[in-house]
Amino acid sequence: MGDYHIKRTTAASQVGHSFRYFDFVMAAFVTILLLSNVIGAAKPTFITISGEQWVYGAGILFFPLGYVIGDVLTEVYGYARARRVIWAGFAAVTFMAFMSWVVVALPPAEGWEGQAAYESVFGQVPRIVAASIFAFWAGEFVNSYVMARMKVWTQGKMLWTRTIGSTIVGQGVDSLIFYPLAFLGVWETSVVLTVMATNWLLKVLWEVVLTPVTYAVVGWLKKREGVDVFDEKTNFTPFSTSI
């Protein structure tokens, strides 16, 4: 295993520092973000509780992993590097939406019978796509900001308060933006509110369940990177990609 020394430091003092695993964490974040939007977003599924079926979007099983990785990024590498990753994810999702629109719009070759299936999977409603992208951007930045601030307030103790607290707020912002923008006026208002609250609760519960995993990953990364970053003098504007 080797001996590891973890040094408490500020985010500003780590400018130019080379981290061994940052790129891998960033790749995992963007991959989960893209796949959860493509594979799970369009499929409704259900669970049975006390003989009653509860319908939910399949993407909710994996999309919250993006928030878990976002927590790991902020906790281990600081807000500024997490900010770069969020912008990378934003650009990736935006390009994916554009590419999907172009590919679906192209006329199919004569004799090809897969256009209907292609449209079913990739022909997303522009309103829903825009709501999803904006909600992701705002929710992730709020999540990272709360995570970074709480780390300073708690002096790096009680990691679970930060991961769960930031998810409650971040996922709350995500849900408050996405469901009204995507479905208000299409669904009944009561349905929008019910689905919004249910999905927010499920995402927060997912975070709670994954807390031991978050502890393990954060501990492993801090030991191998050798630092524990605190955002004590960080510029928290989201409109930047500088470190």
C-alpha atoms as a PDB file:
ATOM      1  CA  MET A   1       0.000   0.000   0.000  1.00  0.00           C
ATOM      2  CA  GLY A   2       2.819   2.412   0.830  1.00  0.00           C
ATOM      3  CA  ASP A   3       2.917   5.379   3.203  1.00  0.00           C
ATOM      4  CA  TYR A   4       0.873   8.450   2.386  1.00  0.00           C
ATOM      5  CA  HIS A   5       0.990  11.939   3.849  1.00  0.00           C
ATOM      6  CA  ILE A   6      -2.017  14.222   3.348  1.00  0.00           C
ATOM      7  CA  LYS A   7      -1.226  17.926   3.461  1.00  0.00           C
ATOM      8  CA  ARG A   8      -3.928  20.508   4.143  1.00  0.00           C
ATOM      9  CA  THR A   9      -3.697  23.256   1.555  1.00  0.00           C
ATOM     10  CA  THR A  10      -5.702  25.971  -0.167  1.00  0.00           C
ATOM     11  CA  ALA A  11      -6.998  25.701  -3.713  1.00  0.00           C
ATOM     12  CA  ALA A  12      -4.966  28.750  -4.779  1.00  0.00           C
ATOM     13  CA  SER A  13      -1.701  27.134  -3.721  1.00  0.00           C
ATOM     14  CA  GLN A  14      -2.411  24.162  -5.978  1.00  0.00           C
ATOM     15  CA  VAL A  15      -2.372  26.146  -9.236  1.00  0.00           C
ATOM     16  CA  GLY A  16      -0.082  24.278 -11.619  1.00  0.00           C
ATOM     17  CA  HIS A  17      -0.003  21.196  -9.415  1.00  0.00           C
ATOM     18  CA  SER A  18      -0.235  17.927 -11.333  1.00  0.00           C
ATOM     19  CA  PHE A  19      -2.761  15.466  -9.925  1.00  0.00           C
ATOM     20  CA  ARG A  20      -2.456  11.801 -10.841  1.00  0.00           C
ATOM     21  CA  TYR A  21      -6.127  10.865 -10.941  1.00  0.00           C
ATOM     22  CA  PHE A  22      -7.980  14.098 -11.754  1.00  0.00           C
ATOM     23  CA  ASP A  23      -8.360  13.292 -15.465  1.00  0.00           C
ATOM     24  CA  PHE A  24      -9.842   9.881 -14.686  1.00  0.00           C
ATOM     25  CA  VAL A  25     -12.416  11.372 -12.310  1.00  0.00           C
ATOM     26  CA  MET A  26     -13.332  14.000 -14.901  1.00  0.00           C
ATOM     27  CA  ALA A  27     -13.757  11.324 -17.584  1.00  0.00           C
ATOM     28  CA  ALA A  28     -15.997   9.297 -15.262  1.00  0.00           C
ATOM     29  CA  PHE A  29     -18.142  12.361 -14.549  1.00  0.00           C
ATOM     30  CA  VAL A  30     -18.677  13.248 -18.210  1.00  0.00           C
ATOM     31  CA  THR A  31     -19.261   9.608 -19.195  1.00  0.00           C
ATOM     32  CA  ILE A  32     -21.968   9.073 -16.571  1.00  0.00           C
ATOM     33  CA  LEU A  33     -23.577  12.389 -17.477  1.00  0.00           C
ATOM     34  CA  LEU A  34     -23.803  11.521 -21.175  1.00  0.00           C
ATOM     35  CA  LEU A  35     -24.921   7.928 -20.711  1.00  0.00           C
ATOM     36  CA  SER A  36     -27.565   8.745 -18.118  1.00  0.00           C
ATOM     37  CA  ASN A  37     -29.064  11.277 -20.531  1.00  0.00           C
ATOM     38  CA  VAL A  38     -28.934   8.983 -23.576  1.00  0.00           C
ATOM     39  CA  ILE A  39     -29.704   5.535 -22.196  1.00  0.00           C
ATOM     40  CA  GLY A  40     -31.958   6.117 -19.223  1.00  0.00           C
ATOM     41  CA  ALA A  41     -33.701   9.419 -19.828  1.00  0.00           C
ATOM     42  CA  ALA A  42     -36.445   8.203 -22.159  1.00  0.00           C
ATOM     43  CA  LYS A  43     -37.414   4.956 -20.438  1.00  0.00           C
ATOM     44  CA  PRO A  44     -40.004   4.872 -17.655  1.00  0.00           C
ATOM     45  CA  THR A  45     -39.842   1.914 -15.296  1.00  0.00           C
ATOM     46  CA  PHE A  46     -41.375   1.060 -11.945  1.00  0.00           C
ATOM     47  CA  ILE A  47     -40.958  -0.478  -8.529  1.00  0.00           C
ATOM     48  CA  THR A  48     -43.705  -2.156  -6.521  1.00  0.00           C
ATOM     49  CA  ILE A  49     -44.177  -1.030  -2.921  1.00  0.00           C
ATOM     50  CA  SER A  50     -46.960  -2.587  -0.840  1.00  0.00           C
ATOM     51  CA  GLY A  51     -48.626  -3.819  -3.988  1.00  0.00           C
ATOM     52  CA  GLU A  52     -48.606  -0.388  -5.652  1.00  0.00           C
ATOM     53  CA  GLN A  53     -46.512   0.513  -8.690  1.00  0.00           C
ATOM     54  CA  TRP A  54     -44.357   3.645  -8.537  1.00  0.00           C
ATOM     55  CA  VAL A  55     -43.224   4.848 -11.956  1.00  0.00           C
ATOM     56  CA  TYR A  56     -39.925   6.711 -12.371  1.00  0.00           C
ATOM     57  CA  GLY A  57     -37.424   7.489 -15.097  1.00  0.00           C
ATOM     58  CA  ALA A  58     -34.729   4.840 -15.477  1.00  0.00           C
ATOM     59  CA  GLY A  59     -32.052   7.516 -15.735  1.00  0.00           C
ATOM     60  CA  ILE A  60     -32.489   8.336 -12.059  1.00  0.00           C
ATOM     61  CA  LEU A  61     -30.619   5.115 -11.213  1.00  0.00           C
ATOM     62  CA  PHE A  62     -27.373   6.471 -12.622  1.00  0.00           C
ATOM     63  CA  PHE A  63     -27.706  10.248 -13.026  1.00  0.00           C
ATOM     64  CA  PRO A  64     -27.183  10.860  -9.262  1.00  0.00           C
ATOM     65  CA  LEU A  65     -23.767   9.208  -9.616  1.00  0.00           C
ATOM     66  CA  GLY A  66     -22.768  12.415 -11.378  1.00  0.00           C
ATOM     67  CA  TYR A  67     -23.517  14.326  -8.179  1.00  0.00           C
ATOM     68  CA  VAL A  68     -21.504  11.804  -6.168  1.00  0.00           C
ATOM     69  CA  ILE A  69     -18.522  12.283  -8.466  1.00  0.00           C
ATOM     70  CA  GLY A  70     -19.109  16.045  -8.320  1.00  0.00           C
ATOM     71  CA  ASP A  71     -18.841  15.799  -4.532  1.00  0.00           C
ATOM     72  CA  VAL A  72     -15.612  13.824  -4.868  1.00  0.00           C
ATOM     73  CA  LEU A  73     -14.169  16.395  -7.271  1.00  0.00           C
ATOM     74  CA  THR A  74     -14.905  19.341  -4.988  1.00  0.00           C
ATOM     75  CA  GLU A  75     -13.842  17.547  -1.809  1.00  0.00           C
ATOM     76  CA  VAL A  76     -10.541  16.271  -3.197  1.00  0.00           C
ATOM     77  CA  TYR A  77      -9.551  18.796  -5.866  1.00  0.00           C
ATOM     78  CA  GLY A  78     -11.409  21.976  -4.883  1.00  0.00           C
ATOM     79  CA  TYR A  79     -14.140  24.112  -6.426  1.00  0.00           C
ATOM     80  CA  ALA A  80     -12.065  25.554  -9.285  1.00  0.00           C
ATOM     81  CA  ARG A  81     -11.202  22.161 -10.762  1.00  0.00           C
ATOM     82  CA  ALA A  82     -14.751  20.937 -10.212  1.00  0.00           C
ATOM     83  CA  ARG A  83     -15.893  24.058 -12.095  1.00  0.00           C
ATOM     84  CA  ARG A  84     -13.796  23.076 -15.111  1.00  0.00           C
ATOM     85  CA  VAL A  85     -15.325  19.617 -15.069  1.00  0.00           C
ATOM     86  CA  ILE A  86     -18.861  21.017 -14.880  1.00  0.00           C
ATOM     87  CA  TRP A  87     -18.175  23.190 -17.916  1.00  0.00           C
ATOM     88  CA  ALA A  88     -16.711  20.175 -19.728  1.00  0.00           C
ATOM     89  CA  GLY A  89     -19.882  18.227 -18.932  1.00  0.00           C
ATOM     90  CA  PHE A  90     -22.045  21.145 -20.043  1.00  0.00           C
ATOM     91  CA  ALA A  91     -20.204  21.354 -23.377  1.00  0.00           C
ATOM     92  CA  ALA A  92     -20.411  17.577 -23.856  1.00  0.00           C
ATOM     93  CA  VAL A  93     -24.171  17.420 -23.207  1.00  0.00           C
ATOM     94  CA  THR A  94     -24.804  20.442 -25.432  1.00  0.00           C
ATOM     95  CA  PHE A  95     -22.842  18.914 -28.294  1.00  0.00           C
ATOM     96  CA  MET A  96     -24.572  15.559 -27.770  1.00  0.00           C
ATOM     97  CA  ALA A  97     -27.963  17.271 -28.073  1.00  0.00           C
ATOM     98  CA  PHE A  98     -26.844  19.088 -31.241  1.00  0.00           C
ATOM     99  CA  MET A  99     -25.377  15.940 -32.768  1.00  0.00           C
ATOM    100  CA  SER A 100     -28.556  13.972 -31.974  1.00  0.00           C
ATOM    101  CA  TRP A 101     -30.683  16.642 -33.660  1.00  0.00           C
ATOM    102  CA  VAL A 102     -28.505  16.657 -36.799  1.00  0.00           C
ATOM    103  CA  VAL A 103     -28.349  12.868 -37.114  1.00  0.00           C
ATOM    104  CA  VAL A 104     -32.103  12.440 -36.610  1.00  0.00           C
ATOM    105  CA  ALA A 105     -32.861  15.223 -39.102  1.00  0.00           C
ATOM    106  CA  LEU A 106     -30.722  13.695 -41.872  1.00  0.00           C
ATOM    107  CA  PRO A 107     -32.845  11.805 -44.437  1.00  0.00           C
ATOM    108  CA  PRO A 108     -32.483   8.027 -44.093  1.00  0.00           C
ATOM    109  CA  ALA A 109     -31.097   6.012 -46.988  1.00  0.00           C
ATOM    110  CA  GLU A 110     -33.655   4.208 -49.111  1.00  0.00           C
ATOM    111  CA  GLY A 111     -34.499   0.799 -47.668  1.00  0.00           C
ATOM    112  CA  TRP A 112     -33.282   1.584 -44.145  1.00  0.00           C
ATOM    113  CA  GLU A 113     -36.049   0.913 -41.626  1.00  0.00           C
ATOM    114  CA  GLY A 114     -34.437   2.127 -38.418  1.00  0.00           C
ATOM    115  CA  GLN A 115     -35.477   5.800 -38.603  1.00  0.00           C
ATOM    116  CA  ALA A 116     -38.482   5.422 -36.285  1.00  0.00           C
ATOM    117  CA  ALA A 117     -36.383   3.676 -33.635  1.00  0.00           C
ATOM    118  CA  TYR A 118     -33.659   6.294 -34.023  1.00  0.00           C
ATOM    119  CA  GLU A 119     -36.155   9.107 -33.542  1.00  0.00           C
ATOM    120  CA  SER A 120     -37.622   7.335 -30.518  1.00  0.00           C
ATOM    121  CA  VAL A 121     -34.239   7.193 -28.787  1.00  0.00           C
ATOM    122  CA  PHE A 122     -32.471  10.349 -29.984  1.00  0.00           C
ATOM    123  CA  GLY A 123     -35.308  12.600 -31.174  1.00  0.00           C
ATOM    124  CA  GLN A 124     -35.642  14.504 -27.938  1.00  0.00           C
ATOM    125  CA  VAL A 125     -38.036  17.418 -27.475  1.00  0.00           C
ATOM    126  CA  PRO A 126     -36.020  20.685 -27.636  1.00  0.00           C
ATOM    127  CA  ARG A 127     -37.818  22.091 -24.586  1.00  0.00           C
ATOM    128  CA  ILE A 128     -36.861  19.078 -22.471  1.00  0.00           C
ATOM    129  CA  VAL A 129     -33.276  19.121 -23.720  1.00  0.00           C
ATOM    130  CA  ALA A 130     -32.871  22.816 -22.919  1.00  0.00           C
ATOM    131  CA  ALA A 131     -34.427  22.337 -19.475  1.00  0.00           C
ATOM    132  CA  SER A 132     -32.133  19.384 -18.759  1.00  0.00           C
ATOM    133  CA  ILE A 133     -28.959  21.221 -19.764  1.00  0.00           C
ATOM    134  CA  PHE A 134     -29.787  24.383 -17.822  1.00  0.00           C
ATOM    135  CA  ALA A 135     -30.902  22.427 -14.738  1.00  0.00           C
ATOM    136  CA  PHE A 136     -27.713  20.345 -14.784  1.00  0.00           C
ATOM    137  CA  TRP A 137     -25.525  23.448 -15.044  1.00  0.00           C
ATOM    138  CA  ALA A 138     -27.222  25.298 -12.203  1.00  0.00           C
ATOM    139  CA  GLY A 139     -27.629  22.261  -9.950  1.00  0.00           C
ATOM    140  CA  GLU A 140     -24.032  21.131 -10.273  1.00  0.00           C
ATOM    141  CA  PHE A 141     -22.623  24.571  -9.527  1.00  0.00           C
ATOM    142  CA  VAL A 142     -24.841  24.961  -6.473  1.00  0.00           C
ATOM    143  CA  ASN A 143     -23.848  21.468  -5.331  1.00  0.00           C
ATOM    144  CA  SER A 144     -20.138  22.238  -5.683  1.00  0.00           C
ATOM    145  CA  TYR A 145     -20.444  25.655  -4.018  1.00  0.00           C
ATOM    146  CA  VAL A 146     -22.289  24.277  -0.981  1.00  0.00           C
ATOM    147  CA  MET A 147     -19.828  21.385  -0.746  1.00  0.00           C
ATOM    148  CA  ALA A 148     -16.805  23.723  -0.777  1.00  0.00           C
ATOM    149  CA  ARG A 149     -18.281  26.204   1.693  1.00  0.00           C
ATOM    150  CA  MET A 150     -19.368  23.505   4.130  1.00  0.00           C
ATOM    151  CA  LYS A 151     -15.906  21.948   4.039  1.00  0.00           C
ATOM    152  CA  VAL A 152     -14.410  25.205   5.345  1.00  0.00           C
ATOM    153  CA  TRP A 153     -17.202  25.630   7.930  1.00  0.00           C
ATOM    154  CA  THR A 154     -16.758  22.088   9.256  1.00  0.00           C
ATOM    155  CA  GLN A 155     -12.931  22.229   9.051  1.00  0.00           C
ATOM    156  CA  GLY A 156     -12.985  19.152   6.855  1.00  0.00           C
ATOM    157  CA  LYS A 157     -14.862  17.029   9.394  1.00  0.00           C
ATOM    158  CA  MET A 158     -18.149  15.150   8.982  1.00  0.00           C
ATOM    159  CA  LEU A 159     -17.918  14.555   5.249  1.00  0.00           C
ATOM    160  CA  TRP A 160     -21.420  13.066   5.230  1.00  0.00           C
ATOM    161  CA  THR A 161     -22.955  16.426   6.181  1.00  0.00           C
ATOM    162  CA  ARG A 162     -21.395  17.998   3.102  1.00  0.00           C
ATOM    163  CA  THR A 163     -22.230  15.272   0.618  1.00  0.00           C
ATOM    164  CA  ILE A 164     -25.841  14.969   1.730  1.00  0.00           C
ATOM    165  CA  GLY A 165     -26.343  18.681   2.412  1.00  0.00           C
ATOM    166  CA  SER A 166     -24.952  19.746  -0.966  1.00  0.00           C
ATOM    167  CA  THR A 167     -27.060  17.136  -2.728  1.00  0.00           C
ATOM    168  CA  ILE A 168     -30.244  18.291  -0.979  1.00  0.00           C
ATOM    169  CA  VAL A 169     -29.631  21.835  -2.214  1.00  0.00           C
ATOM    170  CA  GLY A 170     -28.091  21.013  -5.608  1.00  0.00           C
ATOM    171  CA  GLN A 171     -30.658  18.405  -6.587  1.00  0.00           C
ATOM    172  CA  GLY A 172     -33.361  20.716  -5.280  1.00  0.00           C
ATOM    173  CA  VAL A 173     -32.223  23.463  -7.657  1.00  0.00           C
ATOM    174  CA  ASP A 174     -31.927  20.910 -10.494  1.00  0.00           C
ATOM    175  CA  SER A 175     -35.478  19.645  -9.940  1.00  0.00           C
ATOM    176  CA  LEU A 176     -36.976  23.111  -9.413  1.00  0.00           C
ATOM    177  CA  ILE A 177     -35.589  24.195 -12.778  1.00  0.00           C
ATOM    178  CA  PHE A 178     -36.020  21.048 -14.870  1.00  0.00           C
ATOM    179  CA  TYR A 179     -39.574  19.881 -14.203  1.00  0.00           C
ATOM    180  CA  PRO A 180     -41.371  23.247 -14.523  1.00  0.00           C
ATOM    181  CA  LEU A 181     -39.355  24.228 -17.613  1.00  0.00           C
ATOM    182  CA  ALA A 182     -39.827  20.837 -19.265  1.00  0.00           C
ATOM    183  CA  PHE A 183     -43.394  19.914 -18.337  1.00  0.00           C
ATOM    184  CA  LEU A 184     -45.377  22.840 -16.916  1.00  0.00           C
ATOM    185  CA  GLY A 185     -48.316  23.375 -19.238  1.00  0.00           C
ATOM    186  CA  VAL A 186     -47.861  19.892 -20.696  1.00  0.00           C
ATOM    187  CA  TRP A 187     -48.652  17.957 -17.525  1.00  0.00           C
ATOM    188  CA  GLU A 188     -51.091  19.035 -14.880  1.00  0.00           C
ATOM    189  CA  THR A 189     -49.423  21.243 -12.283  1.00  0.00           C
ATOM    190  CA  SER A 190     -50.126  18.723  -9.520  1.00  0.00           C
ATOM    191  CA  VAL A 191     -48.377  15.999 -11.529  1.00  0.00           C
ATOM    192  CA  VAL A 192     -45.347  18.235 -12.143  1.00  0.00           C
ATOM    193  CA  LEU A 193     -45.068  18.987  -8.432  1.00  0.00           C
ATOM    194  CA  THR A 194     -45.494  15.334  -7.432  1.00  0.00           C
ATOM    195  CA  VAL A 195     -42.901  14.021  -9.893  1.00  0.00           C
ATOM    196  CA  MET A 196     -40.510  16.844  -8.993  1.00  0.00           C
ATOM    197  CA  ALA A 197     -40.715  16.095  -5.271  1.00  0.00           C
ATOM    198  CA  THR A 198     -40.556  12.311  -5.730  1.00  0.00           C
ATOM    199  CA  ASN A 199     -37.510  12.390  -7.985  1.00  0.00           C
ATOM    200  CA  TRP A 200     -35.717  14.890  -5.718  1.00  0.00           C
ATOM    201  CA  LEU A 201     -36.324  12.625  -2.726  1.00  0.00           C
ATOM    202  CA  LEU A 202     -35.111   9.534  -4.602  1.00  0.00           C
ATOM    203  CA  LYS A 203     -31.920  11.307  -5.674  1.00  0.00           C
ATOM    204  CA  VAL A 204     -31.178  12.442  -2.128  1.00  0.00           C
ATOM    205  CA  LEU A 205     -31.819   8.942  -0.792  1.00  0.00           C
ATOM    206  CA  TRP A 206     -29.452   7.590  -3.452  1.00  0.00           C
ATOM    207  CA  GLU A 207     -26.783   9.953  -2.143  1.00  0.00           C
ATOM    208  CA  VAL A 208     -27.369   8.709   1.400  1.00  0.00           C
ATOM    209  CA  VAL A 209     -27.085   5.074   0.298  1.00  0.00           C
ATOM    210  CA  LEU A 210     -23.842   5.795  -1.572  1.00  0.00           C
ATOM    211  CA  THR A 211     -22.242   7.688   1.335  1.00  0.00           C
ATOM    212  CA  PRO A 212     -19.939   4.767   2.301  1.00  0.00           C
ATOM    213  CA  VAL A 213     -18.750   4.582  -1.318  1.00  0.00           C
ATOM    214  CA  THR A 214     -18.088   8.327  -1.332  1.00  0.00           C
ATOM    215  CA  TYR A 215     -16.054   8.024   1.878  1.00  0.00           C
ATOM    216  CA  ALA A 216     -13.973   5.215   0.401  1.00  0.00           C
ATOM    217  CA  VAL A 217     -13.268   7.012  -2.887  1.00  0.00           C
ATOM    218  CA  VAL A 218     -12.484  10.354  -1.219  1.00  0.00           C
ATOM    219  CA  GLY A 219     -10.141   8.709   1.282  1.00  0.00           C
ATOM    220  CA  TRP A 220      -8.366   6.732  -1.423  1.00  0.00           C
ATOM    221  CA  LEU A 221      -7.872   9.750  -3.676  1.00  0.00           C
ATOM    222  CA  LYS A 222      -6.684  12.078  -0.904  1.00  0.00           C
ATOM    223  CA  LYS A 223      -4.044   9.579   0.178  1.00  0.00           C
ATOM    224  CA  ARG A 224      -2.697   9.133  -3.332  1.00  0.00           C
ATOM    225  CA  GLU A 225      -2.868  12.787  -4.330  1.00  0.00           C
ATOM    226  CA  GLY A 226      -1.298  13.753  -0.986  1.00  0.00           C
ATOM    227  CA  VAL A 227      -3.383  16.889  -0.421  1.00  0.00           C
ATOM    228  CA  ASP A 228      -6.613  17.983   1.211  1.00  0.00           C
ATOM    229  CA  VAL A 229      -7.805  21.122  -0.613  1.00  0.00           C
ATOM    230  CA  PHE A 230      -9.780  23.839   1.223  1.00  0.00           C
ATOM    231  CA  ASP A 231     -11.473  26.651  -0.733  1.00  0.00           C
ATOM    232  CA  GLU A 232     -10.569  29.422   1.703  1.00  0.00           C
ATOM    233  CA  LYS A 233      -9.635  32.116  -0.837  1.00  0.00           C
ATOM    234  CA  THR A 234     -11.465  30.856  -3.893  1.00  0.00           C
ATOM    235  CA  ASN A 235     -13.318  32.990  -6.427  1.00  0.00           C
ATOM    236  CA  PHE A 236     -16.647  31.150  -6.635  1.00  0.00           C
ATOM    237  CA  THR A 237     -17.936  32.674  -9.846  1.00  0.00           C
ATOM    238  CA  PRO A 238     -19.251  29.945 -12.128  1.00  0.00           C
ATOM    239  CA  PHE A 239     -18.387  31.993 -15.213  1.00  0.00           C
ATOM    240  CA  SER A 240     -14.759  30.958 -15.428  1.00  0.00           C
ATOM    241  CA  THR A 241     -12.690  27.917 -16.272  1.00  0.00           C
ATOM    242  CA  SER A 242      -9.462  29.076 -14.631  1.00  0.00           C
ATOM    243  CA  ILE A 243      -7.915  27.202 -11.723  1.00  0.00           C
END
